[in-house]
Amino acid sequence: MNRNNRTRRNQGFTIVELIVVVTVIGLLAAIAVGAYNKVVNDAKVAKSRALINTLSTAKSLFVADPNTTPGLIDQFNSSQDFGLIAKYIRVNGVQPKDDRDLLTLSGFPGSVQISLGTVDNSSFNTSNPTPDTPPTVTGYGL
């Protein structure tokens, strides 16, 4: 009877069982990290696209504003002056002061760069027609 009890207490996992368990846990961890990275990258792309849509809408509102003159559109196209479209943008109810403030309010890191693009001014019969180019966000997701 004493010999039977001693054998039971000394039984444990074999090295093969431990290797199998560690391998399975490693595979599950690798799959989880890959899925997490995909979700993070997808969120960055969605956030960048949302900012691009915000900037495109602000440009459209700028052009549609009856107070916008062909001269203001030419000024925007030549300098990409954020101040011209800033009044059409709200981030959490706050109007950004400049493009850096827009990025800060939107939660983007400081390494992100935005380009506002240009506005189509061909309907104003200008001597320097400029096609419409969309805004871009670089350094984050896209």
Protein backbone atom coordinates (compact mmCIF):
# COMPACT_ATOMS: atom_id res chain seq x y z
CA MET A 1 0.00 0.00 0.00
CA ASN A 2 2.80 2.38 0.87
CA ARG A 3 4.51 1.75 -2.47
CA ASN A 4 1.32 2.61 -4.44
CA ASN A 5 0.98 6.02 -2.74
CA ARG A 6 4.60 6.94 -3.39
CA THR A 7 4.26 6.23 -7.14
CA ARG A 8 1.19 8.41 -7.46
CA ARG A 9 2.83 11.41 -5.78
CA ASN A 10 5.87 11.31 -8.06
CA GLN A 11 3.85 11.30 -11.25
CA GLY A 12 3.87 14.59 -13.22
CA PHE A 13 3.95 15.91 -16.74
CA THR A 14 6.44 14.42 -19.12
CA ILE A 15 8.82 16.63 -21.07
CA VAL A 16 6.93 15.85 -24.30
CA GLU A 17 3.65 17.01 -22.79
CA LEU A 18 5.27 20.24 -21.60
CA ILE A 19 6.80 20.89 -25.03
CA VAL A 20 3.42 20.36 -26.71
CA VAL A 21 1.67 22.76 -24.31
CA VAL A 22 4.34 25.45 -24.71
CA THR A 23 4.22 25.08 -28.51
CA VAL A 24 0.42 25.41 -28.57
CA ILE A 25 0.57 28.50 -26.33
CA GLY A 26 3.25 30.00 -28.60
CA LEU A 27 1.13 29.44 -31.70
CA LEU A 28 -1.92 30.98 -30.06
CA ALA A 29 0.15 33.99 -28.98
CA ALA A 30 1.51 34.46 -32.51
CA ILE A 31 -2.01 34.38 -33.95
CA ALA A 32 -3.24 36.84 -31.33
CA VAL A 33 -0.39 39.30 -32.01
CA GLY A 34 -1.06 39.13 -35.76
CA ALA A 35 -4.76 39.79 -35.24
CA TYR A 36 -4.01 42.68 -32.88
CA ASN A 37 -1.63 44.29 -35.38
CA LYS A 38 -4.25 44.01 -38.12
CA VAL A 39 -6.88 45.69 -35.94
CA VAL A 40 -4.46 48.50 -35.02
CA ASN A 41 -3.51 49.09 -38.66
CA ASP A 42 -7.16 49.04 -39.77
CA ALA A 43 -7.98 51.63 -37.09
CA LYS A 44 -5.15 53.88 -38.29
CA VAL A 45 -6.38 53.66 -41.88
CA ALA A 46 -9.95 54.46 -40.80
CA LYS A 47 -8.76 57.43 -38.73
CA SER A 48 -6.69 58.77 -41.64
CA ARG A 49 -9.61 58.40 -44.05
CA ALA A 50 -11.90 60.20 -41.62
CA LEU A 51 -9.48 63.13 -41.50
CA ILE A 52 -9.28 63.17 -45.31
CA ASN A 53 -13.09 63.24 -45.48
CA THR A 54 -13.19 66.09 -42.95
CA LEU A 55 -10.70 68.12 -44.98
CA SER A 56 -12.53 67.38 -48.25
CA THR A 57 -15.82 68.50 -46.72
CA ALA A 58 -14.21 71.69 -45.41
CA LYS A 59 -12.85 72.46 -48.89
CA SER A 60 -16.30 71.87 -50.39
CA LEU A 61 -17.90 74.17 -47.84
CA PHE A 62 -15.23 76.78 -48.52
CA VAL A 63 -16.02 76.74 -52.24
CA ALA A 64 -19.79 76.71 -51.65
CA ASP A 65 -19.64 79.69 -49.28
CA PRO A 66 -21.11 82.76 -51.05
CA ASN A 67 -18.36 84.92 -49.47
CA THR A 68 -15.63 82.91 -51.19
CA THR A 69 -14.17 84.83 -54.12
CA PRO A 70 -12.03 83.55 -57.00
CA GLY A 71 -9.12 85.40 -55.38
CA LEU A 72 -9.54 83.43 -52.15
CA ILE A 73 -9.62 80.19 -54.10
CA ASP A 74 -6.44 81.18 -55.95
CA GLN A 75 -4.87 82.08 -52.59
CA PHE A 76 -5.82 78.67 -51.18
CA ASN A 77 -4.48 76.85 -54.23
CA SER A 78 -1.16 78.70 -54.20
CA SER A 79 -0.44 78.56 -50.46
CA GLN A 80 -2.74 75.80 -49.10
CA ASP A 81 -3.60 78.23 -46.31
CA PHE A 82 -5.32 76.19 -43.60
CA GLY A 83 -6.83 79.35 -42.16
CA LEU A 84 -9.14 79.66 -45.17
CA ILE A 85 -10.89 76.37 -44.44
CA ALA A 86 -10.41 76.23 -40.65
CA LYS A 87 -13.78 77.85 -39.95
CA TYR A 88 -15.51 74.90 -41.65
CA ILE A 89 -13.87 72.28 -39.39
CA ARG A 90 -14.89 71.18 -35.90
CA VAL A 91 -13.19 68.46 -33.89
CA ASN A 92 -15.17 67.55 -30.79
CA GLY A 93 -16.83 70.95 -30.98
CA VAL A 94 -13.55 72.87 -31.20
CA GLN A 95 -12.36 74.83 -34.23
CA PRO A 96 -8.66 74.13 -34.83
CA LYS A 97 -6.34 77.13 -35.15
CA ASP A 98 -3.96 75.52 -37.65
CA ASP A 99 -3.12 72.15 -39.18
CA ARG A 100 -0.96 71.11 -36.18
CA ASP A 101 -3.84 71.94 -33.85
CA LEU A 102 -6.15 69.87 -36.06
CA LEU A 103 -3.83 66.88 -35.76
CA THR A 104 -3.53 67.32 -32.00
CA LEU A 105 -7.29 67.61 -31.51
CA SER A 106 -7.81 64.55 -33.72
CA GLY A 107 -5.34 62.49 -31.68
CA PHE A 108 -2.65 62.08 -34.34
CA PRO A 109 1.04 61.91 -33.41
CA GLY A 110 3.31 64.82 -34.31
CA SER A 111 5.01 62.88 -37.12
CA VAL A 112 1.87 62.96 -39.28
CA GLN A 113 1.82 65.35 -42.23
CA ILE A 114 -1.26 66.60 -44.07
CA SER A 115 -1.55 68.16 -47.49
CA LEU A 116 -4.77 70.06 -48.16
CA GLY A 117 -4.76 69.56 -51.91
CA THR A 118 -6.22 72.14 -54.27
CA VAL A 119 -9.66 73.35 -55.30
CA ASP A 120 -10.93 73.30 -58.88
CA ASN A 121 -11.11 76.89 -60.04
CA SER A 122 -11.95 76.27 -63.70
CA SER A 123 -15.54 77.51 -63.25
CA PHE A 124 -14.19 81.02 -62.55
CA ASN A 125 -12.57 81.32 -66.02
CA THR A 126 -9.20 81.99 -64.46
CA SER A 127 -5.99 82.29 -66.44
CA ASN A 128 -4.35 79.67 -64.21
CA PRO A 129 -6.79 76.73 -63.97
CA THR A 130 -6.12 74.31 -61.14
CA PRO A 131 -7.72 70.88 -60.93
CA ASP A 132 -9.19 69.56 -57.71
CA THR A 133 -6.74 67.37 -55.82
CA PRO A 134 -7.79 65.58 -52.64
CA PRO A 135 -6.14 66.07 -49.26
CA THR A 136 -3.60 63.50 -48.14
CA VAL A 137 -2.38 62.21 -44.80
CA THR A 138 1.12 60.74 -44.64
CA GLY A 139 2.95 59.01 -41.87
CA TYR A 140 -0.06 57.32 -40.29
CA GLY A 141 -1.99 54.34 -41.60
CA LEU A 142 -2.24 55.23 -45.27
